[in-house]
């Protein structure tokens, strides 16, 4: 009897050991083949660049620096634009001087001179008129020949034309420039001002400022290097706007929707944190498993899921591990 009892205990212990080993093996296999999803922390990235090509003059930040919005990042040397600005400013000054002259009109000395010429022409016209009257009277009496009469008529006509021309010149000097002339000169002034504004706008882009508050992650060029237009010299990370990106197979999408909460383990922190889904891609990106004719079935595609961490300070590039279906 004692032998049978002892044998029964051995059997029970053996069964317990086998069951325990089976449980551990199943857990191990599940951990190998289970639905472990890994994501990566990302954030909004800004690349500071300039519309101007040129040589970097000064760099005011370093990688890892925290910058505020509007802080000066770097400047570009622009000797060519400086020369263009001086040229455009000179043209603007010349156009404004011409416009001022037109607005003020002809100098009073020139107006007086034109008036004197007109009066002189008027006096000559009056004398020619009287001479013509005398010659005409004598011609009618037969005292002077026809030629002398014709000469008197021609002299009167010439003096009349001279008087009218002098009067027109006086009126023009008195009135100044015409409306069309004033409009043309004013247009020249506006054109010169636009050229100056254009150069100044380009020059303002020679000083590049931080578009947002964030941390400098990368600087591609150094002072003295030539850069092209739009070259991203400084990269800034907006750490106030971060999220985790997961690529999830479509057969694991059940139960996932906007607003779903789940816990993800962050190895960099050695702790888990809470995430909330805020974005699900509208269409699948790629196939993670392809079916064959021999096996049958269908391709399994992947959707991108984005989730924001709640009340946790995470950095871009950190991994997030989820041990089960979200």
Protein backbone atom coordinates (compact mmCIF):
# COMPACT_ATOMS: atom_id res chain seq x y z
CA UNK A 1 0.00 0.00 0.00
CA UNK A 2 2.80 2.38 0.85
CA UNK A 3 4.45 1.56 -2.44
CA UNK A 4 1.23 2.33 -4.37
CA UNK A 5 0.76 5.64 -2.50
CA UNK A 6 4.32 6.63 -3.20
CA UNK A 7 3.88 5.69 -6.84
CA UNK A 8 0.70 7.79 -7.04
CA UNK A 9 2.51 10.82 -5.63
CA UNK A 10 5.22 10.46 -8.27
CA UNK A 11 2.59 10.30 -10.99
CA UNK A 12 0.81 13.41 -9.68
CA UNK A 13 4.08 15.32 -9.43
CA UNK A 14 5.05 14.24 -12.94
CA UNK A 15 1.71 15.39 -14.30
CA UNK A 16 2.04 18.74 -12.48
CA UNK A 17 5.54 19.21 -13.86
CA UNK A 18 4.37 18.38 -17.40
CA UNK A 19 1.43 20.79 -17.12
CA UNK A 20 3.68 23.55 -15.78
CA UNK A 21 6.18 23.03 -18.57
CA UNK A 22 3.36 23.05 -21.13
CA UNK A 23 2.06 26.36 -19.81
CA UNK A 24 5.49 27.96 -19.99
CA UNK A 25 6.08 26.54 -23.47
CA UNK A 26 2.71 27.87 -24.66
CA UNK A 27 3.45 31.29 -23.20
CA UNK A 28 6.86 31.28 -24.82
CA UNK A 29 5.43 30.29 -28.19
CA UNK A 30 2.72 32.93 -27.81
CA UNK A 31 5.34 35.53 -27.04
CA UNK A 32 7.18 34.53 -30.23
CA UNK A 33 4.12 34.34 -32.41
CA UNK A 34 1.88 36.75 -30.54
CA UNK A 35 0.61 40.05 -31.88
CA UNK A 36 3.44 42.34 -30.79
CA UNK A 37 3.20 45.74 -32.51
CA UNK A 38 6.08 48.18 -32.54
CA UNK A 39 5.74 51.88 -33.32
CA UNK A 40 7.97 54.95 -33.40
CA UNK A 41 7.57 58.37 -31.87
CA UNK A 42 7.52 61.17 -34.46
CA UNK A 43 6.95 64.93 -34.33
CA UNK A 44 6.32 67.87 -36.61
CA UNK A 45 9.53 69.02 -38.30
CA UNK A 46 10.34 72.44 -39.77
CA UNK A 47 13.23 73.20 -42.10
CA UNK A 48 14.37 76.82 -42.03
CA UNK A 49 15.53 78.05 -45.43
CA UNK A 50 15.83 81.26 -47.45
CA UNK A 51 14.64 82.29 -50.90
CA UNK A 52 18.11 83.73 -51.50
CA UNK A 53 21.10 81.80 -52.76
CA UNK A 54 24.39 82.97 -51.29
CA UNK A 55 27.09 82.41 -48.71
CA UNK A 56 26.21 81.88 -45.05
CA UNK A 57 27.57 84.84 -43.14
CA UNK A 58 26.77 83.98 -39.51
CA UNK A 59 25.18 81.04 -37.70
CA UNK A 60 23.64 81.76 -34.31
CA UNK A 61 22.45 78.31 -33.15
CA UNK A 62 23.94 74.86 -32.59
CA UNK A 63 22.48 71.37 -32.75
CA UNK A 64 20.51 70.59 -29.61
CA UNK A 65 19.74 74.27 -28.83
CA UNK A 66 16.24 75.28 -27.82
CA UNK A 67 15.00 78.23 -29.91
CA UNK A 68 11.98 80.47 -29.55
CA UNK A 69 9.70 81.49 -32.38
CA UNK A 70 11.19 84.48 -34.24
CA UNK A 71 14.73 83.89 -32.95
CA UNK A 72 17.48 84.66 -35.49
CA UNK A 73 19.02 81.42 -36.83
CA UNK A 74 21.50 82.53 -39.50
CA UNK A 75 22.26 85.31 -42.00
CA UNK A 76 23.34 85.27 -45.64
CA UNK A 77 25.94 87.60 -47.17
CA UNK A 78 24.38 89.59 -50.05
CA UNK A 79 26.87 92.07 -51.58
CA UNK A 80 25.14 91.88 -54.98
CA UNK A 81 21.75 92.75 -53.49
CA UNK A 82 23.28 95.62 -51.52
CA UNK A 83 24.57 97.08 -54.78
CA UNK A 84 21.17 96.54 -56.42
CA UNK A 85 19.48 98.36 -53.56
CA UNK A 86 21.77 101.39 -53.97
CA UNK A 87 21.07 101.40 -57.71
CA UNK A 88 17.30 101.16 -57.22
CA UNK A 89 17.38 103.86 -54.53
CA UNK A 90 19.24 106.21 -56.92
CA UNK A 91 16.64 105.63 -59.63
CA UNK A 92 13.88 106.28 -57.11
CA UNK A 93 15.50 109.58 -56.04
CA UNK A 94 15.83 110.69 -59.68
CA UNK A 95 12.19 109.85 -60.43
CA UNK A 96 10.98 111.71 -57.33
CA UNK A 97 13.05 114.77 -58.28
CA UNK A 98 11.54 114.77 -61.78
CA UNK A 99 8.07 114.38 -60.31
CA UNK A 100 8.68 117.31 -57.96
CA UNK A 101 9.81 119.46 -60.86
CA UNK A 102 6.70 118.59 -62.85
CA UNK A 103 4.40 119.28 -59.91
CA UNK A 104 5.98 122.66 -59.23
CA UNK A 105 5.76 123.64 -62.90
CA UNK A 106 8.07 125.93 -64.93
CA UNK A 107 10.27 128.39 -63.06
CA UNK A 108 8.85 131.91 -62.74
CA UNK A 109 11.79 133.34 -64.68
CA UNK A 110 10.84 131.21 -67.67
CA UNK A 111 7.20 132.28 -67.37
CA UNK A 112 8.20 135.97 -67.35
CA UNK A 113 10.43 135.44 -70.38
CA UNK A 114 7.60 133.77 -72.31
CA UNK A 115 5.24 136.59 -71.36
CA UNK A 116 7.71 139.22 -72.60
CA UNK A 117 8.08 137.40 -75.94
CA UNK A 118 4.33 137.31 -76.30
CA UNK A 119 4.01 141.05 -75.63
CA UNK A 120 6.80 141.73 -78.12
CA UNK A 121 4.96 139.66 -80.73
CA UNK A 122 1.75 141.54 -79.96
CA UNK A 123 3.49 144.85 -80.52
CA UNK A 124 4.91 143.64 -83.85
CA UNK A 125 1.46 142.46 -84.87
CA UNK A 126 -0.05 145.86 -84.08
CA UNK A 127 2.64 147.61 -86.14
CA UNK A 128 2.12 145.22 -89.06
CA UNK A 129 -1.62 145.86 -88.90
CA UNK A 130 -1.17 149.64 -89.11
CA UNK A 131 1.37 149.32 -91.92
CA UNK A 132 -1.02 147.11 -93.87
CA UNK A 133 -3.82 149.67 -93.45
CA UNK A 134 -1.64 152.49 -94.82
CA UNK A 135 -0.33 150.44 -97.74
CA UNK A 136 -3.85 149.27 -98.57
CA UNK A 137 -5.12 152.88 -98.64
CA UNK A 138 -2.30 153.94 -100.95
CA UNK A 139 -2.78 150.87 -103.14
CA UNK A 140 -6.46 151.64 -103.56
CA UNK A 141 -5.49 155.17 -104.73
CA UNK A 142 -2.98 153.71 -107.17
CA UNK A 143 0.04 155.23 -105.44
CA UNK A 144 1.89 151.96 -104.55
CA UNK A 145 2.26 148.87 -106.69
CA UNK A 146 0.57 145.51 -106.05
CA UNK A 147 3.83 143.94 -104.86
CA UNK A 148 4.22 146.33 -101.96
CA UNK A 149 0.64 145.62 -100.93
CA UNK A 150 1.28 141.84 -101.01
CA UNK A 151 4.44 142.27 -98.90
CA UNK A 152 2.47 144.19 -96.29
CA UNK A 153 -0.18 141.44 -96.21
CA UNK A 154 2.48 138.72 -95.80
CA UNK A 155 4.20 140.63 -93.00
CA UNK A 156 0.91 140.98 -91.15
CA UNK A 157 0.14 137.26 -91.49
CA UNK A 158 3.62 136.35 -90.23
CA UNK A 159 3.36 138.64 -87.22
CA UNK A 160 -0.09 137.23 -86.44
CA UNK A 161 1.30 133.68 -86.44
CA UNK A 162 4.26 134.75 -84.28
CA UNK A 163 1.92 136.35 -81.77
CA UNK A 164 -0.23 133.25 -81.54
CA UNK A 165 2.83 131.01 -81.06
CA UNK A 166 4.20 133.29 -78.34
CA UNK A 167 0.81 133.28 -76.59
CA UNK A 168 0.70 129.47 -76.71
CA UNK A 169 4.23 129.26 -75.29
CA UNK A 170 3.31 131.64 -72.49
CA UNK A 171 0.15 129.67 -71.65
CA UNK A 172 2.14 126.41 -71.59
CA UNK A 173 4.76 127.89 -69.29
CA UNK A 174 2.09 129.29 -67.03
CA UNK A 175 0.05 126.06 -66.84
CA UNK A 176 3.07 123.77 -66.43
CA UNK A 177 3.03 120.07 -67.42
CA UNK A 178 -0.05 118.44 -68.88
CA UNK A 179 -2.14 115.85 -67.05
CA UNK A 180 -0.67 113.12 -69.23
CA UNK A 181 2.90 114.22 -68.46
CA UNK A 182 2.18 114.27 -64.74
CA UNK A 183 0.68 110.77 -64.94
CA UNK A 184 3.70 109.44 -66.83
CA UNK A 185 6.17 110.87 -64.31
CA UNK A 186 4.11 109.59 -61.37
CA UNK A 187 4.14 106.11 -62.94
CA UNK A 188 7.94 106.29 -63.18
CA UNK A 189 8.09 107.11 -59.47
CA UNK A 190 5.89 104.14 -58.59
CA UNK A 191 8.01 101.86 -60.76
CA UNK A 192 11.19 102.99 -59.00
CA UNK A 193 9.59 102.55 -55.57
CA UNK A 194 8.46 99.01 -56.51
CA UNK A 195 12.01 98.13 -57.55
CA UNK A 196 13.33 99.33 -54.18
CA UNK A 197 10.64 97.40 -52.30
CA UNK A 198 11.46 94.24 -54.23
CA UNK A 199 15.16 94.42 -53.40
CA UNK A 200 14.40 95.17 -49.75
CA UNK A 201 12.05 92.16 -49.61
CA UNK A 202 14.86 89.92 -50.87
CA UNK A 203 17.28 91.48 -48.38
CA UNK A 204 14.88 90.81 -45.51
CA UNK A 205 15.04 87.11 -46.43
CA UNK A 206 18.79 87.20 -45.89
CA UNK A 207 18.02 86.97 -42.16
CA UNK A 208 16.33 83.65 -41.37
CA UNK A 209 14.28 83.32 -38.17
CA UNK A 210 12.83 80.31 -36.37
CA UNK A 211 9.28 79.63 -37.62
CA UNK A 212 8.30 77.89 -34.35
CA UNK A 213 9.62 77.23 -30.86
CA UNK A 214 11.47 73.94 -30.72
CA UNK A 215 14.78 72.11 -30.56
CA UNK A 216 17.42 72.29 -33.29
CA UNK A 217 18.01 68.73 -34.51
CA UNK A 218 20.26 69.24 -37.51
CA UNK A 219 22.39 71.93 -39.17
CA UNK A 220 23.39 71.11 -42.72
CA UNK A 221 25.64 74.05 -43.68
CA UNK A 222 28.27 76.09 -41.85
CA UNK A 223 29.39 79.75 -42.12
CA UNK A 224 31.25 80.43 -45.34
CA UNK A 225 29.46 77.72 -47.32
CA UNK A 226 27.43 78.54 -50.43
CA UNK A 227 23.78 77.48 -50.39
CA UNK A 228 21.11 77.45 -53.07
CA UNK A 229 17.64 78.96 -52.89
CA UNK A 230 15.37 77.02 -50.51
CA UNK A 231 18.25 74.98 -49.05
CA UNK A 232 17.15 73.66 -45.59
CA UNK A 233 20.03 74.86 -43.41
CA UNK A 234 18.46 74.36 -39.94
CA UNK A 235 15.98 71.63 -38.93
CA UNK A 236 13.75 72.34 -35.91
CA UNK A 237 11.62 69.77 -34.06
CA UNK A 238 8.30 70.88 -32.60
CA UNK A 239 8.29 68.80 -29.40
CA UNK A 240 4.87 70.15 -28.45
CA UNK A 241 3.30 68.12 -31.27
CA UNK A 242 4.39 64.46 -31.07
CA UNK A 243 2.71 61.16 -31.90
CA UNK A 244 3.39 57.45 -32.28
CA UNK A 245 3.11 55.74 -35.67
CA UNK A 246 2.06 52.08 -35.97
CA UNK A 247 1.65 49.95 -39.10
CA UNK A 248 -1.11 47.45 -38.33
CA UNK A 249 -2.25 44.53 -40.48
CA UNK A 250 -5.83 44.74 -41.64
CA UNK A 251 -6.82 41.52 -39.83
CA UNK A 252 -5.91 43.28 -36.55
CA UNK A 253 -7.97 46.40 -37.26
CA UNK A 254 -11.09 45.16 -35.51
CA UNK A 255 -11.97 47.31 -32.56
CA UNK A 256 -9.66 50.16 -33.59
CA UNK A 257 -11.27 53.56 -34.14
CA UNK A 258 -10.60 57.21 -33.55
CA UNK A 259 -10.42 57.78 -29.81
CA UNK A 260 -9.33 54.23 -28.90
CA UNK A 261 -7.04 54.15 -25.83
CA UNK A 262 -4.25 51.63 -25.26
CA UNK A 263 -1.03 51.22 -23.29
CA UNK A 264 2.34 51.06 -24.96
CA UNK A 265 5.68 50.20 -23.40
CA UNK A 266 8.45 52.75 -24.06
CA UNK A 267 11.88 51.09 -23.58
CA UNK A 268 13.65 54.45 -23.37
CA UNK A 269 11.57 55.31 -20.29
CA UNK A 270 11.34 51.79 -18.94
CA UNK A 271 7.64 52.33 -18.40
CA UNK A 272 4.27 52.19 -20.13
CA UNK A 273 2.23 55.20 -21.09
CA UNK A 274 -1.28 55.79 -22.34
CA UNK A 275 -1.97 56.55 -26.01
CA UNK A 276 -5.08 57.72 -27.86
CA UNK A 277 -5.69 57.02 -31.57
CA UNK A 278 -6.38 60.21 -33.53
CA UNK A 279 -5.64 59.15 -37.11
CA UNK A 280 -6.30 56.08 -39.25
CA UNK A 281 -5.08 56.11 -42.85
CA UNK A 282 -7.86 56.21 -45.43
CA UNK A 283 -6.31 53.39 -47.46
CA UNK A 284 -3.77 50.60 -47.01
CA UNK A 285 -0.12 51.36 -47.69
CA UNK A 286 1.44 47.98 -48.58
CA UNK A 287 0.98 44.23 -48.25
CA UNK A 288 2.66 42.53 -45.26
CA UNK A 289 1.67 39.02 -46.32
CA UNK A 290 1.12 37.85 -49.89
CA UNK A 291 -1.04 34.88 -50.77
CA UNK A 292 0.04 32.25 -53.31
CA UNK A 293 -2.06 29.94 -55.45
CA UNK A 294 -0.66 26.95 -53.63
CA UNK A 295 -1.71 28.27 -50.24
CA UNK A 296 -4.78 30.19 -51.36
CA UNK A 297 -6.08 33.05 -49.24
CA UNK A 298 -5.62 36.78 -49.84
CA UNK A 299 -3.03 39.51 -49.39
CA UNK A 300 -2.98 41.10 -45.98
CA UNK A 301 -2.38 44.83 -46.18
CA UNK A 302 -1.23 47.37 -43.63
CA UNK A 303 -2.84 50.55 -42.35
CA UNK A 304 -1.05 53.42 -40.65
CA UNK A 305 -2.33 54.36 -37.20
CA UNK A 306 -1.26 57.46 -35.30
CA UNK A 307 -1.78 57.92 -31.58
CA UNK A 308 -0.87 60.75 -29.24
CA UNK A 309 0.71 60.08 -25.83
CA UNK A 310 -1.11 61.45 -22.83
CA UNK A 311 0.86 63.36 -20.18
CA UNK A 312 4.22 61.89 -21.15
CA UNK A 313 7.39 63.64 -22.36
CA UNK A 314 8.64 61.57 -25.28
CA UNK A 315 11.29 62.29 -27.89
CA UNK A 316 11.23 61.54 -31.62
CA UNK A 317 12.77 58.19 -32.52
CA UNK A 318 11.76 56.41 -29.31
CA UNK A 319 10.19 52.98 -29.76
CA UNK A 320 6.75 52.01 -28.47
CA UNK A 321 5.87 48.32 -28.01
CA UNK A 322 2.30 47.08 -27.73
CA UNK A 323 2.04 43.42 -26.64
CA UNK A 324 -1.47 42.81 -27.84
CA UNK A 325 -3.97 43.97 -30.43
CA UNK A 326 -4.79 47.60 -29.84
